[in-house]
Amino acid sequence: MNEQDPREERVEPVFRNGTITIVGILLAFSLGFITHWAANPIPWQTYHLVAVLPILVGIALQIRALAILLDIKSLQRSIHDRASRIFIAGLILAACGVGLAILLDFLEISAKSALPGAS
């Protein structure tokens, strides 16, 4: 009786390792963006929180997904899939925050350059 219980379906270790690599790289990009944006010469305003909050929540979800994937239990299909869903949610949130950050910076720059006498 070599029947596999569907709850015990396993992920190939090579596939899991590739997933960990992808999650780590994209997490590094997210952290790099927020670090670079924090050093932006445009002064931060309260409305920038609209962009910062989704980025930070997205980064937190990506870190959580990485922590789950680094555990040996993530070789179980259900745990691996859960970590993947958490990561995708974090990636989407971070991407939306990045888009908002770019839009806010663009609007800030275009408002300053539209002022008379601005150079």
PDB file of N, CA and C in Angstrom:
ATOM      1  N   MET A   1       0.829  -1.188   0.000  1.00  0.00           N
ATOM      2  CA  MET A   1       0.000   0.000   0.000  1.00  0.00           C
ATOM      3  C   MET A   1       0.868   1.244   0.000  1.00  0.00           C
ATOM      4  N   ASN A   2       1.187   1.682  -1.169  1.00  0.00           N
ATOM      5  CA  ASN A   2       2.055   2.828  -1.314  1.00  0.00           C
ATOM      6  C   ASN A   2       1.256   4.068  -1.716  1.00  0.00           C
ATOM      7  N   GLU A   3       0.010   4.116  -1.291  1.00  0.00           N
ATOM      8  CA  GLU A   3      -0.855   5.255  -1.603  1.00  0.00           C
ATOM      9  C   GLU A   3      -0.367   6.484  -0.855  1.00  0.00           C
ATOM     10  N   GLN A   4      -0.257   7.594  -1.571  1.00  0.00           N
ATOM     11  CA  GLN A   4       0.155   8.838  -0.919  1.00  0.00           C
ATOM     12  C   GLN A   4      -1.078   9.593  -0.465  1.00  0.00           C
ATOM     13  N   ASP A   5      -1.037  10.068   0.748  1.00  0.00           N
ATOM     14  CA  ASP A   5      -2.102  10.911   1.269  1.00  0.00           C
ATOM     15  C   ASP A   5      -1.963  12.283   0.599  1.00  0.00           C
ATOM     16  N   PRO A   6      -3.046  12.840   0.007  1.00  0.00           N
ATOM     17  CA  PRO A   6      -2.924  14.137  -0.676  1.00  0.00           C
ATOM     18  C   PRO A   6      -2.416  15.249   0.242  1.00  0.00           C
ATOM     19  N   ARG A   7      -2.644  15.109   1.527  1.00  0.00           N
ATOM     20  CA  ARG A   7      -2.159  16.126   2.456  1.00  0.00           C
ATOM     21  C   ARG A   7      -0.646  16.065   2.603  1.00  0.00           C
ATOM     22  N   GLU A   8      -0.070  14.946   2.228  1.00  0.00           N
ATOM     23  CA  GLU A   8       1.376  14.765   2.371  1.00  0.00           C
ATOM     24  C   GLU A   8       2.110  14.927   1.038  1.00  0.00           C
ATOM     25  N   GLU A   9       1.453  15.514   0.054  1.00  0.00           N
ATOM     26  CA  GLU A   9       2.123  15.743  -1.226  1.00  0.00           C
ATOM     27  C   GLU A   9       3.328  16.639  -0.984  1.00  0.00           C
ATOM     28  N   ARG A  10       4.439  16.298  -1.626  1.00  0.00           N
ATOM     29  CA  ARG A  10       5.705  16.984  -1.382  1.00  0.00           C
ATOM     30  C   ARG A  10       6.116  17.817  -2.596  1.00  0.00           C
ATOM     31  N   VAL A  11       6.896  18.851  -2.316  1.00  0.00           N
ATOM     32  CA  VAL A  11       7.493  19.696  -3.349  1.00  0.00           C
ATOM     33  C   VAL A  11       8.924  19.211  -3.529  1.00  0.00           C
ATOM     34  N   GLU A  12       9.379  19.172  -4.760  1.00  0.00           N
ATOM     35  CA  GLU A  12      10.769  18.793  -5.017  1.00  0.00           C
ATOM     36  C   GLU A  12      11.702  19.823  -4.378  1.00  0.00           C
ATOM     37  N   PRO A  13      12.746  19.380  -3.695  1.00  0.00           N
ATOM     38  CA  PRO A  13      13.675  20.317  -3.051  1.00  0.00           C
ATOM     39  C   PRO A  13      14.295  21.315  -4.032  1.00  0.00           C
ATOM     40  N   VAL A  14      14.562  20.890  -5.255  1.00  0.00           N
ATOM     41  CA  VAL A  14      15.151  21.806  -6.245  1.00  0.00           C
ATOM     42  C   VAL A  14      14.159  22.926  -6.574  1.00  0.00           C
ATOM     43  N   PHE A  15      12.875  22.577  -6.700  1.00  0.00           N
ATOM     44  CA  PHE A  15      11.843  23.582  -6.973  1.00  0.00           C
ATOM     45  C   PHE A  15      11.725  24.550  -5.799  1.00  0.00           C
ATOM     46  N   ARG A  16      11.742  24.018  -4.578  1.00  0.00           N
ATOM     47  CA  ARG A  16      11.670  24.861  -3.379  1.00  0.00           C
ATOM     48  C   ARG A  16      12.866  25.795  -3.318  1.00  0.00           C
ATOM     49  N   ASN A  17      14.057  25.296  -3.633  1.00  0.00           N
ATOM     50  CA  ASN A  17      15.252  26.138  -3.601  1.00  0.00           C
ATOM     51  C   ASN A  17      15.166  27.256  -4.628  1.00  0.00           C
ATOM     52  N   GLY A  18      14.624  26.969  -5.795  1.00  0.00           N
ATOM     53  CA  GLY A  18      14.429  28.012  -6.804  1.00  0.00           C
ATOM     54  C   GLY A  18      13.452  29.069  -6.331  1.00  0.00           C
ATOM     55  N   THR A  19      12.402  28.617  -5.664  1.00  0.00           N
ATOM     56  CA  THR A  19      11.417  29.557  -5.126  1.00  0.00           C
ATOM     57  C   THR A  19      12.051  30.453  -4.075  1.00  0.00           C
ATOM     58  N   ILE A  20      12.869  29.867  -3.210  1.00  0.00           N
ATOM     59  CA  ILE A  20      13.555  30.656  -2.175  1.00  0.00           C
ATOM     60  C   ILE A  20      14.461  31.707  -2.829  1.00  0.00           C
ATOM     61  N   THR A  21      15.144  31.329  -3.897  1.00  0.00           N
ATOM     62  CA  THR A  21      16.023  32.261  -4.601  1.00  0.00           C
ATOM     63  C   THR A  21      15.225  33.429  -5.174  1.00  0.00           C
ATOM     64  N   ILE A  22      14.122  33.123  -5.825  1.00  0.00           N
ATOM     65  CA  ILE A  22      13.294  34.176  -6.418  1.00  0.00           C
ATOM     66  C   ILE A  22      12.748  35.111  -5.343  1.00  0.00           C
ATOM     67  N   VAL A  23      12.233  34.532  -4.262  1.00  0.00           N
ATOM     68  CA  VAL A  23      11.689  35.339  -3.173  1.00  0.00           C
ATOM     69  C   VAL A  23      12.783  36.238  -2.597  1.00  0.00           C
ATOM     70  N   GLY A  24      13.968  35.701  -2.384  1.00  0.00           N
ATOM     71  CA  GLY A  24      15.066  36.492  -1.839  1.00  0.00           C
ATOM     72  C   GLY A  24      15.480  37.639  -2.745  1.00  0.00           C
ATOM     73  N   ILE A  25      15.557  37.378  -4.038  1.00  0.00           N
ATOM     74  CA  ILE A  25      15.948  38.423  -4.984  1.00  0.00           C
ATOM     75  C   ILE A  25      14.908  39.538  -5.044  1.00  0.00           C
ATOM     76  N   LEU A  26      13.636  39.168  -5.146  1.00  0.00           N
ATOM     77  CA  LEU A  26      12.590  40.190  -5.229  1.00  0.00           C
ATOM     78  C   LEU A  26      12.432  40.948  -3.915  1.00  0.00           C
ATOM     79  N   LEU A  27      12.650  40.276  -2.804  1.00  0.00           N
ATOM     80  CA  LEU A  27      12.647  40.959  -1.510  1.00  0.00           C
ATOM     81  C   LEU A  27      13.786  41.979  -1.453  1.00  0.00           C
ATOM     82  N   ALA A  28      14.946  41.612  -1.971  1.00  0.00           N
ATOM     83  CA  ALA A  28      16.078  42.549  -1.999  1.00  0.00           C
ATOM     84  C   ALA A  28      15.752  43.774  -2.856  1.00  0.00           C
ATOM     85  N   PHE A  29      15.074  43.574  -3.987  1.00  0.00           N
ATOM     86  CA  PHE A  29      14.664  44.716  -4.806  1.00  0.00           C
ATOM     87  C   PHE A  29      13.701  45.619  -4.042  1.00  0.00           C
ATOM     88  N   SER A  30      12.757  45.023  -3.329  1.00  0.00           N
ATOM     89  CA  SER A  30      11.791  45.815  -2.549  1.00  0.00           C
ATOM     90  C   SER A  30      12.498  46.614  -1.468  1.00  0.00           C
ATOM     91  N   LEU A  31      13.399  45.969  -0.755  1.00  0.00           N
ATOM     92  CA  LEU A  31      14.161  46.672   0.283  1.00  0.00           C
ATOM     93  C   LEU A  31      15.049  47.755  -0.322  1.00  0.00           C
ATOM     94  N   GLY A  32      15.636  47.456  -1.471  1.00  0.00           N
ATOM     95  CA  GLY A  32      16.476  48.442  -2.151  1.00  0.00           C
ATOM     96  C   GLY A  32      15.680  49.656  -2.594  1.00  0.00           C
ATOM     97  N   PHE A  33      14.450  49.432  -3.074  1.00  0.00           N
ATOM     98  CA  PHE A  33      13.639  50.574  -3.509  1.00  0.00           C
ATOM     99  C   PHE A  33      13.301  51.471  -2.338  1.00  0.00           C
ATOM    100  N   ILE A  34      12.847  50.887  -1.229  1.00  0.00           N
ATOM    101  CA  ILE A  34      12.446  51.721  -0.094  1.00  0.00           C
ATOM    102  C   ILE A  34      13.657  52.461   0.478  1.00  0.00           C
ATOM    103  N   THR A  35      14.822  51.830   0.441  1.00  0.00           N
ATOM    104  CA  THR A  35      16.046  52.490   0.906  1.00  0.00           C
ATOM    105  C   THR A  35      16.413  53.654  -0.011  1.00  0.00           C
ATOM    106  N   HIS A  36      16.344  53.413  -1.305  1.00  0.00           N
ATOM    107  CA  HIS A  36      16.670  54.463  -2.271  1.00  0.00           C
ATOM    108  C   HIS A  36      15.669  55.609  -2.181  1.00  0.00           C
ATOM    109  N   TRP A  37      14.394  55.270  -2.042  1.00  0.00           N
ATOM    110  CA  TRP A  37      13.361  56.306  -1.974  1.00  0.00           C
ATOM    111  C   TRP A  37      13.511  57.116  -0.690  1.00  0.00           C
ATOM    112  N   ALA A  38      13.918  56.481   0.392  1.00  0.00           N
ATOM    113  CA  ALA A  38      14.112  57.208   1.654  1.00  0.00           C
ATOM    114  C   ALA A  38      15.224  58.246   1.516  1.00  0.00           C
ATOM    115  N   ALA A  39      16.193  57.984   0.638  1.00  0.00           N
ATOM    116  CA  ALA A  39      17.298  58.918   0.425  1.00  0.00           C
ATOM    117  C   ALA A  39      16.985  59.938  -0.674  1.00  0.00           C
ATOM    118  N   ASN A  40      15.785  59.927  -1.197  1.00  0.00           N
ATOM    119  CA  ASN A  40      15.358  60.837  -2.258  1.00  0.00           C
ATOM    120  C   ASN A  40      15.460  62.289  -1.768  1.00  0.00           C
ATOM    121  N   PRO A  41      15.975  63.192  -2.611  1.00  0.00           N
ATOM    122  CA  PRO A  41      16.123  64.585  -2.174  1.00  0.00           C
ATOM    123  C   PRO A  41      14.790  65.323  -2.030  1.00  0.00           C
ATOM    124  N   ILE A  42      13.712  64.799  -2.593  1.00  0.00           N
ATOM    125  CA  ILE A  42      12.402  65.438  -2.430  1.00  0.00           C
ATOM    126  C   ILE A  42      11.954  65.214  -0.984  1.00  0.00           C
ATOM    127  N   PRO A  43      11.639  66.284  -0.260  1.00  0.00           N
ATOM    128  CA  PRO A  43      11.230  66.130   1.143  1.00  0.00           C
ATOM    129  C   PRO A  43       9.955  65.281   1.262  1.00  0.00           C
ATOM    130  N   TRP A  44       9.928  64.448   2.280  1.00  0.00           N
ATOM    131  CA  TRP A  44       8.759  63.601   2.515  1.00  0.00           C
ATOM    132  C   TRP A  44       7.624  64.439   3.092  1.00  0.00           C
ATOM    133  N   GLN A  45       6.431  64.112   2.647  1.00  0.00           N
ATOM    134  CA  GLN A  45       5.217  64.750   3.158  1.00  0.00           C
ATOM    135  C   GLN A  45       4.317  63.663   3.748  1.00  0.00           C
ATOM    136  N   THR A  46       3.302  64.073   4.468  1.00  0.00           N
ATOM    137  CA  THR A  46       2.379  63.112   5.074  1.00  0.00           C
ATOM    138  C   THR A  46       1.700  62.245   4.025  1.00  0.00           C
ATOM    139  N   TYR A  47       1.388  62.803   2.866  1.00  0.00           N
ATOM    140  CA  TYR A  47       0.698  62.031   1.828  1.00  0.00           C
ATOM    141  C   TYR A  47       1.570  60.923   1.237  1.00  0.00           C
ATOM    142  N   HIS A  48       2.865  60.957   1.492  1.00  0.00           N
ATOM    143  CA  HIS A  48       3.727  59.867   1.027  1.00  0.00           C
ATOM    144  C   HIS A  48       3.427  58.555   1.749  1.00  0.00           C
ATOM    145  N   LEU A  49       2.759  58.652   2.902  1.00  0.00           N
ATOM    146  CA  LEU A  49       2.377  57.430   3.622  1.00  0.00           C
ATOM    147  C   LEU A  49       1.465  56.542   2.782  1.00  0.00           C
ATOM    148  N   VAL A  50       0.738  57.146   1.847  1.00  0.00           N
ATOM    149  CA  VAL A  50      -0.123  56.376   0.943  1.00  0.00           C
ATOM    150  C   VAL A  50       0.711  55.358   0.167  1.00  0.00           C
ATOM    151  N   ALA A  51       1.939  55.703  -0.147  1.00  0.00           N
ATOM    152  CA  ALA A  51       2.825  54.800  -0.879  1.00  0.00           C
ATOM    153  C   ALA A  51       3.694  53.960   0.057  1.00  0.00           C
ATOM    154  N   VAL A  52       4.119  54.546   1.161  1.00  0.00           N
ATOM    155  CA  VAL A  52       5.041  53.848   2.069  1.00  0.00           C
ATOM    156  C   VAL A  52       4.357  52.663   2.747  1.00  0.00           C
ATOM    157  N   LEU A  53       3.125  52.841   3.181  1.00  0.00           N
ATOM    158  CA  LEU A  53       2.451  51.765   3.914  1.00  0.00           C
ATOM    159  C   LEU A  53       2.298  50.485   3.093  1.00  0.00           C
ATOM    160  N   PRO A  54       1.803  50.544   1.847  1.00  0.00           N
ATOM    161  CA  PRO A  54       1.728  49.291   1.098  1.00  0.00           C
ATOM    162  C   PRO A  54       3.094  48.670   0.824  1.00  0.00           C
ATOM    163  N   ILE A  55       4.104  49.498   0.633  1.00  0.00           N
ATOM    164  CA  ILE A  55       5.448  48.958   0.412  1.00  0.00           C
ATOM    165  C   ILE A  55       5.923  48.218   1.662  1.00  0.00           C
ATOM    166  N   LEU A  56       5.760  48.835   2.824  1.00  0.00           N
ATOM    167  CA  LEU A  56       6.224  48.212   4.063  1.00  0.00           C
ATOM    168  C   LEU A  56       5.435  46.947   4.410  1.00  0.00           C
ATOM    169  N   VAL A  57       4.128  46.982   4.208  1.00  0.00           N
ATOM    170  CA  VAL A  57       3.321  45.778   4.452  1.00  0.00           C
ATOM    171  C   VAL A  57       3.715  44.696   3.454  1.00  0.00           C
ATOM    172  N   GLY A  58       3.929  45.082   2.197  1.00  0.00           N
ATOM    173  CA  GLY A  58       4.367  44.135   1.178  1.00  0.00           C
ATOM    174  C   GLY A  58       5.702  43.507   1.518  1.00  0.00           C
ATOM    175  N   ILE A  59       6.634  44.312   2.003  1.00  0.00           N
ATOM    176  CA  ILE A  59       7.943  43.797   2.405  1.00  0.00           C
ATOM    177  C   ILE A  59       7.792  42.837   3.581  1.00  0.00           C
ATOM    178  N   ALA A  60       6.947  43.194   4.543  1.00  0.00           N
ATOM    179  CA  ALA A  60       6.723  42.312   5.690  1.00  0.00           C
ATOM    180  C   ALA A  60       6.155  40.962   5.247  1.00  0.00           C
ATOM    181  N   LEU A  61       5.225  40.975   4.297  1.00  0.00           N
ATOM    182  CA  LEU A  61       4.668  39.720   3.781  1.00  0.00           C
ATOM    183  C   LEU A  61       5.724  38.910   3.027  1.00  0.00           C
ATOM    184  N   GLN A  62       6.578  39.589   2.285  1.00  0.00           N
ATOM    185  CA  GLN A  62       7.640  38.886   1.572  1.00  0.00           C
ATOM    186  C   GLN A  62       8.621  38.245   2.557  1.00  0.00           C
ATOM    187  N   ILE A  63       8.941  38.953   3.637  1.00  0.00           N
ATOM    188  CA  ILE A  63       9.829  38.398   4.661  1.00  0.00           C
ATOM    189  C   ILE A  63       9.169  37.192   5.318  1.00  0.00           C
ATOM    190  N   ARG A  64       7.883  37.302   5.593  1.00  0.00           N
ATOM    191  CA  ARG A  64       7.150  36.182   6.193  1.00  0.00           C
ATOM    192  C   ARG A  64       7.184  34.965   5.271  1.00  0.00           C
ATOM    193  N   ALA A  65       6.953  35.187   3.980  1.00  0.00           N
ATOM    194  CA  ALA A  65       6.991  34.082   3.013  1.00  0.00           C
ATOM    195  C   ALA A  65       8.374  33.445   2.972  1.00  0.00           C
ATOM    196  N   LEU A  66       9.411  34.258   2.995  1.00  0.00           N
ATOM    197  CA  LEU A  66      10.772  33.724   2.984  1.00  0.00           C
ATOM    198  C   LEU A  66      11.036  32.896   4.239  1.00  0.00           C
ATOM    199  N   ALA A  67      10.567  33.376   5.377  1.00  0.00           N
ATOM    200  CA  ALA A  67      10.757  32.633   6.625  1.00  0.00           C
ATOM    201  C   ALA A  67      10.048  31.280   6.569  1.00  0.00           C
ATOM    202  N   ILE A  68       8.858  31.249   6.003  1.00  0.00           N
ATOM    203  CA  ILE A  68       8.130  29.982   5.869  1.00  0.00           C
ATOM    204  C   ILE A  68       8.876  29.048   4.927  1.00  0.00           C
ATOM    205  N   LEU A  69       9.360  29.592   3.812  1.00  0.00           N
ATOM    206  CA  LEU A  69      10.045  28.758   2.822  1.00  0.00           C
ATOM    207  C   LEU A  69      11.381  28.221   3.330  1.00  0.00           C
ATOM    208  N   LEU A  70      12.018  28.920   4.237  1.00  0.00           N
ATOM    209  CA  LEU A  70      13.301  28.458   4.764  1.00  0.00           C
ATOM    210  C   LEU A  70      13.149  27.293   5.748  1.00  0.00           C
ATOM    211  N   ASP A  71      11.939  27.104   6.249  1.00  0.00           N
ATOM    212  CA  ASP A  71      11.685  25.980   7.150  1.00  0.00           C
ATOM    213  C   ASP A  71      11.575  24.699   6.327  1.00  0.00           C
ATOM    214  N   ILE A  72      12.104  23.609   6.842  1.00  0.00           N
ATOM    215  CA  ILE A  72      12.088  22.334   6.129  1.00  0.00           C
ATOM    216  C   ILE A  72      10.664  21.847   5.892  1.00  0.00           C
ATOM    217  N   LYS A  73       9.725  22.297   6.714  1.00  0.00           N
ATOM    218  CA  LYS A  73       8.326  21.904   6.537  1.00  0.00           C
ATOM    219  C   LYS A  73       7.746  22.432   5.222  1.00  0.00           C
ATOM    220  N   SER A  74       8.409  23.404   4.613  1.00  0.00           N
ATOM    221  CA  SER A  74       7.896  23.965   3.362  1.00  0.00           C
ATOM    222  C   SER A  74       8.023  22.986   2.200  1.00  0.00           C
ATOM    223  N   LEU A  75       8.617  21.832   2.432  1.00  0.00           N
ATOM    224  CA  LEU A  75       8.613  20.788   1.406  1.00  0.00           C
ATOM    225  C   LEU A  75       7.238  20.164   1.275  1.00  0.00           C
ATOM    226  N   GLN A  76       6.357  20.381   2.258  1.00  0.00           N
ATOM    227  CA  GLN A  76       4.965  19.946   2.128  1.00  0.00           C
ATOM    228  C   GLN A  76       4.255  20.907   1.191  1.00  0.00           C
ATOM    229  N   ARG A  77       3.529  20.353   0.251  1.00  0.00           N
ATOM    230  CA  ARG A  77       2.900  21.157  -0.798  1.00  0.00           C
ATOM    231  C   ARG A  77       1.997  22.250  -0.238  1.00  0.00           C
ATOM    232  N   SER A  78       1.199  21.935   0.776  1.00  0.00           N
ATOM    233  CA  SER A  78       0.260  22.924   1.315  1.00  0.00           C
ATOM    234  C   SER A  78       0.996  24.111   1.942  1.00  0.00           C
ATOM    235  N   ILE A  79       2.076  23.847   2.635  1.00  0.00           N
ATOM    236  CA  ILE A  79       2.845  24.926   3.267  1.00  0.00           C
ATOM    237  C   ILE A  79       3.564  25.752   2.205  1.00  0.00           C
ATOM    238  N   HIS A  80       4.120  25.095   1.205  1.00  0.00           N
ATOM    239  CA  HIS A  80       4.798  25.798   0.102  1.00  0.00           C
ATOM    240  C   HIS A  80       3.806  26.695  -0.643  1.00  0.00           C
ATOM    241  N   ASP A  81       2.616  26.169  -0.915  1.00  0.00           N
ATOM    242  CA  ASP A  81       1.600  26.964  -1.618  1.00  0.00           C
ATOM    243  C   ASP A  81       1.151  28.162  -0.791  1.00  0.00           C
ATOM    244  N   ARG A  82       1.019  27.966   0.521  1.00  0.00           N
ATOM    245  CA  ARG A  82       0.635  29.067   1.406  1.00  0.00           C
ATOM    246  C   ARG A  82       1.704  30.160   1.382  1.00  0.00           C
ATOM    247  N   ALA A  83       2.966  29.772   1.467  1.00  0.00           N
ATOM    248  CA  ALA A  83       4.060  30.742   1.422  1.00  0.00           C
ATOM    249  C   ALA A  83       4.071  31.474   0.081  1.00  0.00           C
ATOM    250  N   SER A  84       3.788  30.761  -0.991  1.00  0.00           N
ATOM    251  CA  SER A  84       3.755  31.394  -2.321  1.00  0.00           C
ATOM    252  C   SER A  84       2.642  32.424  -2.403  1.00  0.00           C
ATOM    253  N   ARG A  85       1.479  32.102  -1.852  1.00  0.00           N
ATOM    254  CA  ARG A  85       0.364  33.066  -1.864  1.00  0.00           C
ATOM    255  C   ARG A  85       0.694  34.302  -1.030  1.00  0.00           C
ATOM    256  N   ILE A  86       1.318  34.097   0.124  1.00  0.00           N
ATOM    257  CA  ILE A  86       1.723  35.229   0.968  1.00  0.00           C
ATOM    258  C   ILE A  86       2.726  36.095   0.220  1.00  0.00           C
ATOM    259  N   PHE A  87       3.675  35.454  -0.457  1.00  0.00           N
ATOM    260  CA  PHE A  87       4.685  36.199  -1.204  1.00  0.00           C
ATOM    261  C   PHE A  87       4.047  37.013  -2.333  1.00  0.00           C
ATOM    262  N   ILE A  88       3.152  36.390  -3.087  1.00  0.00           N
ATOM    263  CA  ILE A  88       2.501  37.100  -4.201  1.00  0.00           C
ATOM    264  C   ILE A  88       1.707  38.294  -3.679  1.00  0.00           C
ATOM    265  N   ALA A  89       1.006  38.124  -2.558  1.00  0.00           N
ATOM    266  CA  ALA A  89       0.271  39.249  -1.970  1.00  0.00           C
ATOM    267  C   ALA A  89       1.243  40.367  -1.582  1.00  0.00           C
ATOM    268  N   GLY A  90       2.356  40.010  -0.974  1.00  0.00           N
ATOM    269  CA  GLY A  90       3.351  41.009  -0.608  1.00  0.00           C
ATOM    270  C   GLY A  90       3.956  41.696  -1.816  1.00  0.00           C
ATOM    271  N   LEU A  91       4.201  40.924  -2.856  1.00  0.00           N
ATOM    272  CA  LEU A  91       4.772  41.491  -4.078  1.00  0.00           C
ATOM    273  C   LEU A  91       3.803  42.472  -4.732  1.00  0.00           C
ATOM    274  N   ILE A  92       2.533  42.115  -4.767  1.00  0.00           N
ATOM    275  CA  ILE A  92       1.517  43.006  -5.353  1.00  0.00           C
ATOM    276  C   ILE A  92       1.404  44.290  -4.540  1.00  0.00           C
ATOM    277  N   LEU A  93       1.371  44.164  -3.218  1.00  0.00           N
ATOM    278  CA  LEU A  93       1.302  45.365  -2.369  1.00  0.00           C
ATOM    279  C   LEU A  93       2.526  46.255  -2.568  1.00  0.00           C
ATOM    280  N   ALA A  94       3.699  45.654  -2.573  1.00  0.00           N
ATOM    281  CA  ALA A  94       4.922  46.438  -2.763  1.00  0.00           C
ATOM    282  C   ALA A  94       4.928  47.105  -4.135  1.00  0.00           C
ATOM    283  N   ALA A  95       4.501  46.393  -5.161  1.00  0.00           N
ATOM    284  CA  ALA A  95       4.458  46.967  -6.517  1.00  0.00           C
ATOM    285  C   ALA A  95       3.474  48.130  -6.591  1.00  0.00           C
ATOM    286  N   CYS A  96       2.326  47.994  -5.947  1.00  0.00           N
ATOM    287  CA  CYS A  96       1.358  49.102  -5.922  1.00  0.00           C
ATOM    288  C   CYS A  96       1.945  50.310  -5.192  1.00  0.00           C
ATOM    289  N   GLY A  97       2.629  50.060  -4.086  1.00  0.00           N
ATOM    290  CA  GLY A  97       3.271  51.145  -3.351  1.00  0.00           C
ATOM    291  C   GLY A  97       4.356  51.829  -4.164  1.00  0.00           C
ATOM    292  N   VAL A  98       5.136  51.035  -4.896  1.00  0.00           N
ATOM    293  CA  VAL A  98       6.178  51.607  -5.755  1.00  0.00           C
ATOM    294  C   VAL A  98       5.539  52.470  -6.841  1.00  0.00           C
ATOM    295  N   GLY A  99       4.475  51.969  -7.434  1.00  0.00           N
ATOM    296  CA  GLY A  99       3.763  52.752  -8.457  1.00  0.00           C
ATOM    297  C   GLY A  99       3.244  54.063  -7.894  1.00  0.00           C
ATOM    298  N   LEU A 100       2.682  54.008  -6.698  1.00  0.00           N
ATOM    299  CA  LEU A 100       2.203  55.233  -6.053  1.00  0.00           C
ATOM    300  C   LEU A 100       3.361  56.177  -5.731  1.00  0.00           C
ATOM    301  N   ALA A 101       4.471  55.625  -5.288  1.00  0.00           N
ATOM    302  CA  ALA A 101       5.640  56.459  -4.972  1.00  0.00           C
ATOM    303  C   ALA A 101       6.145  57.184  -6.220  1.00  0.00           C
ATOM    304  N   ILE A 102       6.214  56.461  -7.317  1.00  0.00           N
ATOM    305  CA  ILE A 102       6.665  57.074  -8.572  1.00  0.00           C
ATOM    306  C   ILE A 102       5.682  58.157  -9.005  1.00  0.00           C
ATOM    307  N   LEU A 103       4.393  57.864  -8.895  1.00  0.00           N
ATOM    308  CA  LEU A 103       3.376  58.845  -9.267  1.00  0.00           C
ATOM    309  C   LEU A 103       3.460  60.090  -8.386  1.00  0.00           C
ATOM    310  N   LEU A 104       3.607  59.905  -7.085  1.00  0.00           N
ATOM    311  CA  LEU A 104       3.712  61.051  -6.173  1.00  0.00           C
ATOM    312  C   LEU A 104       4.948  61.886  -6.474  1.00  0.00           C
ATOM    313  N   ASP A 105       6.073  61.233  -6.732  1.00  0.00           N
ATOM    314  CA  ASP A 105       7.287  61.982  -7.077  1.00  0.00           C
ATOM    315  C   ASP A 105       7.121  62.729  -8.392  1.00  0.00           C
ATOM    316  N   PHE A 106       6.498  62.092  -9.362  1.00  0.00           N
ATOM    317  CA  PHE A 106       6.260  62.738 -10.655  1.00  0.00           C
ATOM    318  C   PHE A 106       5.374  63.965 -10.478  1.00  0.00           C
ATOM    319  N   LEU A 107       4.300  63.817  -9.697  1.00  0.00           N
ATOM    320  CA  LEU A 107       3.405  64.956  -9.475  1.00  0.00           C
ATOM    321  C   LEU A 107       4.112  66.085  -8.722  1.00  0.00           C
ATOM    322  N   GLU A 108       4.959  65.719  -7.768  1.00  0.00           N
ATOM    323  CA  GLU A 108       5.712  66.723  -7.006  1.00  0.00           C
ATOM    324  C   GLU A 108       6.665  67.485  -7.915  1.00  0.00           C
ATOM    325  N   ILE A 109       7.389  66.768  -8.749  1.00  0.00           N
ATOM    326  CA  ILE A 109       8.347  67.403  -9.660  1.00  0.00           C
ATOM    327  C   ILE A 109       7.634  68.257 -10.699  1.00  0.00           C
ATOM    328  N   SER A 110       6.533  67.757 -11.258  1.00  0.00           N
ATOM    329  CA  SER A 110       5.824  68.513 -12.280  1.00  0.00           C
ATOM    330  C   SER A 110       5.147  69.736 -11.673  1.00  0.00           C
ATOM    331  N   ALA A 111       4.710  69.679 -10.424  1.00  0.00           N
ATOM    332  CA  ALA A 111       4.112  70.851  -9.777  1.00  0.00           C
ATOM    333  C   ALA A 111       5.168  71.925  -9.537  1.00  0.00           C
ATOM    334  N   LYS A 112       6.367  71.515  -9.155  1.00  0.00           N
ATOM    335  CA  LYS A 112       7.436  72.485  -8.915  1.00  0.00           C
ATOM    336  C   LYS A 112       7.919  73.122 -10.213  1.00  0.00           C
ATOM    337  N   SER A 113       7.973  72.334 -11.289  1.00  0.00           N
ATOM    338  CA  SER A 113       8.461  72.883 -12.548  1.00  0.00           C
ATOM    339  C   SER A 113       7.392  73.736 -13.242  1.00  0.00           C
ATOM    340  N   ALA A 114       6.138  73.623 -12.824  1.00  0.00           N
ATOM    341  CA  ALA A 114       5.073  74.423 -13.421  1.00  0.00           C
ATOM    342  C   ALA A 114       4.961  75.805 -12.769  1.00  0.00           C
ATOM    343  N   LEU A 115       5.650  75.991 -11.655  1.00  0.00           N
ATOM    344  CA  LEU A 115       5.599  77.283 -10.979  1.00  0.00           C
ATOM    345  C   LEU A 115       6.368  78.336 -11.776  1.00  0.00           C
ATOM    346  N   PRO A 116       5.831  79.550 -11.854  1.00  0.00           N
ATOM    347  CA  PRO A 116       6.564  80.596 -12.559  1.00  0.00           C
ATOM    348  C   PRO A 116       7.882  80.908 -11.816  1.00  0.00           C
ATOM    349  N   GLY A 117       8.915  81.030 -12.573  1.00  0.00           N
ATOM    350  CA  GLY A 117      10.214  81.375 -12.027  1.00  0.00           C
ATOM    351  C   GLY A 117      10.980  80.176 -11.497  1.00  0.00           C
ATOM    352  N   ALA A 118      10.357  78.985 -11.566  1.00  0.00           N
ATOM    353  CA  ALA A 118      11.072  77.781 -11.099  1.00  0.00           C
ATOM    354  C   ALA A 118      12.059  77.367 -12.164  1.00  0.00           C
ATOM    355  N   SER A 119      13.226  76.928 -11.738  1.00  0.00           N
ATOM    356  CA  SER A 119      14.223  76.504 -12.725  1.00  0.00           C
ATOM    357  C   SER A 119      14.662  75.102 -12.481  1.00  0.00           C
TER     358      SER A 119
END
